[in-house]
Amino acid sequence: MLLRYPITSYGSHHVELTGGLLTRFEDFIIAKFAKLKEKSRVRYELDIMSDRELADLGLQRTDIALIVDGTYNAEQDQRR
């Protein structure tokens, strides 16, 4: 197949023809998956803790979802 435009690339993630758009998109997707993996790890770590261990940290089991979502605010927590 003969292309009208030469595709020149360097590195493994950049093709000059796209002006770096593909690279930014790949970086965006990779960052999203990395964040998802980190959230999954945090949820797992908190889920395996006992209620007593969570209480030692000042948390309850219902706080886990808020922590993973990044919406937990200990200063506004009125249970203390």
N, C-alpha and C. Protein backbone atom coordinates (compact mmCIF):
# COMPACT_ATOMS: atom_id res chain seq x y z
N MET A 1 0.84 -1.17 0.00
CA MET A 1 0.00 0.00 0.00
C MET A 1 0.88 1.24 0.00
N LEU A 2 0.61 2.13 -0.89
CA LEU A 2 1.39 3.36 -1.02
C LEU A 2 0.63 4.51 -0.37
N LEU A 3 1.27 5.20 0.55
CA LEU A 3 0.65 6.32 1.24
C LEU A 3 1.02 7.63 0.56
N ARG A 4 0.10 8.57 0.55
CA ARG A 4 0.38 9.88 -0.03
C ARG A 4 1.37 10.67 0.82
N TYR A 5 1.27 10.49 2.13
CA TYR A 5 2.12 11.23 3.04
C TYR A 5 3.07 10.26 3.73
N PRO A 6 4.31 10.62 3.83
CA PRO A 6 5.22 9.72 4.54
C PRO A 6 4.93 9.75 6.03
N ILE A 7 4.86 8.60 6.62
CA ILE A 7 4.66 8.52 8.06
C ILE A 7 6.03 8.34 8.68
N THR A 8 6.46 9.36 9.37
CA THR A 8 7.74 9.28 10.05
C THR A 8 7.46 9.25 11.55
N SER A 9 8.15 8.41 12.22
CA SER A 9 7.91 8.32 13.67
C SER A 9 9.23 8.20 14.39
N TYR A 10 9.19 8.57 15.63
CA TYR A 10 10.32 8.34 16.50
C TYR A 10 9.77 7.97 17.86
N GLY A 11 10.49 7.21 18.59
CA GLY A 11 9.97 6.70 19.84
C GLY A 11 8.90 5.67 19.56
N SER A 12 8.23 5.23 20.57
CA SER A 12 7.20 4.22 20.36
C SER A 12 5.81 4.80 20.40
N HIS A 13 5.64 6.08 20.77
CA HIS A 13 4.31 6.63 20.95
C HIS A 13 4.05 7.89 20.13
N HIS A 14 4.89 8.23 19.20
CA HIS A 14 4.67 9.49 18.50
C HIS A 14 4.73 9.27 16.99
N VAL A 15 3.74 9.75 16.31
CA VAL A 15 3.72 9.76 14.86
C VAL A 15 3.55 11.20 14.44
N GLU A 16 4.50 11.72 13.70
CA GLU A 16 4.48 13.14 13.32
C GLU A 16 3.23 13.52 12.57
N LEU A 17 2.68 12.61 11.81
CA LEU A 17 1.52 12.91 10.99
C LEU A 17 0.34 13.39 11.83
N THR A 18 0.22 12.93 13.04
CA THR A 18 -0.89 13.32 13.90
C THR A 18 -0.58 14.55 14.74
N GLY A 19 0.62 15.03 14.67
CA GLY A 19 0.98 16.21 15.44
C GLY A 19 1.01 15.96 16.94
N GLY A 20 1.17 14.74 17.36
CA GLY A 20 1.23 14.42 18.78
C GLY A 20 -0.13 14.16 19.39
N LEU A 21 -1.20 14.30 18.61
CA LEU A 21 -2.55 14.08 19.12
C LEU A 21 -2.72 12.66 19.63
N LEU A 22 -2.19 11.71 18.88
CA LEU A 22 -2.28 10.31 19.29
C LEU A 22 -1.54 10.08 20.59
N THR A 23 -0.40 10.71 20.74
CA THR A 23 0.38 10.57 21.96
C THR A 23 -0.38 11.11 23.16
N ARG A 24 -1.00 12.28 23.03
CA ARG A 24 -1.75 12.85 24.14
C ARG A 24 -2.94 11.98 24.49
N PHE A 25 -3.60 11.42 23.49
CA PHE A 25 -4.74 10.53 23.74
C PHE A 25 -4.28 9.27 24.47
N GLU A 26 -3.17 8.69 24.01
CA GLU A 26 -2.63 7.50 24.68
C GLU A 26 -2.27 7.81 26.13
N ASP A 27 -1.63 8.95 26.36
CA ASP A 27 -1.26 9.33 27.71
C ASP A 27 -2.50 9.52 28.58
N PHE A 28 -3.56 10.11 28.01
CA PHE A 28 -4.82 10.30 28.73
C PHE A 28 -5.42 8.96 29.13
N ILE A 29 -5.48 8.02 28.20
CA ILE A 29 -6.05 6.70 28.48
C ILE A 29 -5.21 5.96 29.52
N ILE A 30 -3.90 6.02 29.37
CA ILE A 30 -3.01 5.35 30.33
C ILE A 30 -3.19 5.94 31.72
N ALA A 31 -3.31 7.26 31.81
CA ALA A 31 -3.51 7.91 33.11
C ALA A 31 -4.83 7.50 33.73
N LYS A 32 -5.88 7.38 32.91
CA LYS A 32 -7.19 6.96 33.42
C LYS A 32 -7.12 5.54 33.99
N PHE A 33 -6.47 4.64 33.27
CA PHE A 33 -6.34 3.27 33.75
C PHE A 33 -5.47 3.19 35.00
N ALA A 34 -4.43 4.01 35.07
CA ALA A 34 -3.58 4.03 36.26
C ALA A 34 -4.37 4.52 37.47
N LYS A 35 -5.20 5.55 37.27
CA LYS A 35 -6.03 6.06 38.36
C LYS A 35 -7.05 5.02 38.79
N LEU A 36 -7.64 4.33 37.83
CA LEU A 36 -8.61 3.28 38.14
C LEU A 36 -7.95 2.14 38.93
N LYS A 37 -6.74 1.78 38.55
CA LYS A 37 -6.01 0.73 39.25
C LYS A 37 -5.69 1.16 40.68
N GLU A 38 -5.30 2.41 40.85
CA GLU A 38 -4.98 2.92 42.19
C GLU A 38 -6.24 2.93 43.07
N LYS A 39 -7.37 3.37 42.51
CA LYS A 39 -8.62 3.36 43.27
C LYS A 39 -9.00 1.94 43.67
N SER A 40 -8.81 1.01 42.77
CA SER A 40 -9.12 -0.39 43.06
C SER A 40 -8.23 -0.92 44.18
N ARG A 41 -6.97 -0.55 44.17
CA ARG A 41 -6.03 -0.99 45.20
C ARG A 41 -6.41 -0.40 46.55
N VAL A 42 -6.77 0.88 46.57
CA VAL A 42 -7.17 1.53 47.83
C VAL A 42 -8.43 0.88 48.38
N ARG A 43 -9.41 0.64 47.52
CA ARG A 43 -10.65 -0.01 47.96
C ARG A 43 -10.35 -1.39 48.54
N TYR A 44 -9.50 -2.15 47.87
CA TYR A 44 -9.15 -3.48 48.35
C TYR A 44 -8.48 -3.41 49.72
N GLU A 45 -7.52 -2.51 49.86
CA GLU A 45 -6.79 -2.38 51.12
C GLU A 45 -7.73 -2.02 52.26
N LEU A 46 -8.69 -1.13 52.01
CA LEU A 46 -9.62 -0.74 53.06
C LEU A 46 -10.66 -1.83 53.32
N ASP A 47 -11.07 -2.52 52.28
CA ASP A 47 -12.08 -3.58 52.43
C ASP A 47 -11.57 -4.75 53.28
N ILE A 48 -10.28 -5.04 53.22
CA ILE A 48 -9.78 -6.18 53.99
C ILE A 48 -9.53 -5.84 55.45
N MET A 49 -9.61 -4.55 55.79
CA MET A 49 -9.43 -4.15 57.19
C MET A 49 -10.67 -4.51 58.00
N SER A 50 -10.45 -4.82 59.25
CA SER A 50 -11.58 -5.10 60.14
C SER A 50 -12.23 -3.77 60.55
N ASP A 51 -13.42 -3.86 61.11
CA ASP A 51 -14.10 -2.65 61.58
C ASP A 51 -13.29 -1.95 62.66
N ARG A 52 -12.61 -2.72 63.48
CA ARG A 52 -11.77 -2.15 64.54
C ARG A 52 -10.58 -1.38 63.95
N GLU A 53 -9.95 -1.95 62.93
CA GLU A 53 -8.82 -1.26 62.28
C GLU A 53 -9.29 0.03 61.62
N LEU A 54 -10.45 -0.01 61.00
CA LEU A 54 -10.99 1.21 60.40
C LEU A 54 -11.30 2.25 61.48
N ALA A 55 -11.87 1.79 62.61
CA ALA A 55 -12.18 2.70 63.70
C ALA A 55 -10.91 3.34 64.26
N ASP A 56 -9.82 2.59 64.28
CA ASP A 56 -8.54 3.15 64.74
C ASP A 56 -8.09 4.30 63.84
N LEU A 57 -8.49 4.25 62.59
CA LEU A 57 -8.16 5.32 61.64
C LEU A 57 -9.21 6.42 61.65
N GLY A 58 -10.26 6.22 62.44
CA GLY A 58 -11.34 7.20 62.50
C GLY A 58 -12.32 7.06 61.35
N LEU A 59 -12.41 5.86 60.80
CA LEU A 59 -13.28 5.62 59.66
C LEU A 59 -14.33 4.57 59.98
N GLN A 60 -15.35 4.57 59.16
CA GLN A 60 -16.35 3.52 59.20
C GLN A 60 -16.39 2.87 57.82
N ARG A 61 -16.98 1.70 57.76
CA ARG A 61 -17.04 0.98 56.48
C ARG A 61 -17.75 1.80 55.41
N THR A 62 -18.72 2.62 55.80
CA THR A 62 -19.45 3.44 54.83
C THR A 62 -18.59 4.56 54.24
N ASP A 63 -17.47 4.85 54.87
CA ASP A 63 -16.57 5.90 54.38
C ASP A 63 -15.70 5.43 53.21
N ILE A 64 -15.59 4.14 53.01
CA ILE A 64 -14.68 3.59 52.01
C ILE A 64 -15.02 4.13 50.61
N ALA A 65 -16.30 4.10 50.25
CA ALA A 65 -16.68 4.58 48.91
C ALA A 65 -16.34 6.06 48.74
N LEU A 66 -16.54 6.84 49.79
CA LEU A 66 -16.23 8.28 49.72
C LEU A 66 -14.73 8.50 49.58
N ILE A 67 -13.95 7.70 50.27
CA ILE A 67 -12.49 7.83 50.19
C ILE A 67 -12.01 7.48 48.79
N VAL A 68 -12.53 6.38 48.24
CA VAL A 68 -12.11 5.95 46.90
C VAL A 68 -12.52 6.99 45.86
N ASP A 69 -13.70 7.57 46.01
CA ASP A 69 -14.17 8.59 45.06
C ASP A 69 -13.46 9.93 45.25
N GLY A 70 -12.79 10.10 46.39
CA GLY A 70 -12.09 11.35 46.65
C GLY A 70 -12.99 12.43 47.20
N THR A 71 -14.17 12.06 47.70
CA THR A 71 -15.11 13.05 48.22
C THR A 71 -15.19 13.07 49.74
N TYR A 72 -14.43 12.21 50.41
CA TYR A 72 -14.44 12.16 51.88
C TYR A 72 -13.71 13.37 52.42
N ASN A 73 -14.34 14.04 53.37
CA ASN A 73 -13.73 15.20 53.99
C ASN A 73 -13.81 15.01 55.51
N ALA A 74 -12.70 14.68 56.11
CA ALA A 74 -12.66 14.38 57.54
C ALA A 74 -13.03 15.61 58.37
N GLU A 75 -12.76 16.80 57.88
CA GLU A 75 -13.08 18.01 58.64
C GLU A 75 -14.59 18.24 58.74
N GLN A 76 -15.34 17.77 57.75
CA GLN A 76 -16.78 17.94 57.77
C GLN A 76 -17.49 16.75 58.39
N ASP A 77 -16.76 15.72 58.77
CA ASP A 77 -17.36 14.53 59.36
C ASP A 77 -17.86 14.88 60.76
N GLN A 78 -19.15 14.80 60.97
CA GLN A 78 -19.77 15.23 62.23
C GLN A 78 -19.90 14.11 63.25
N ARG A 79 -19.44 12.91 62.96
CA ARG A 79 -19.61 11.80 63.88
C ARG A 79 -18.67 11.87 65.07
N ARG A 80 -17.66 12.65 65.00
CA ARG A 80 -16.65 12.66 66.08
C ARG A 80 -17.04 13.53 67.23
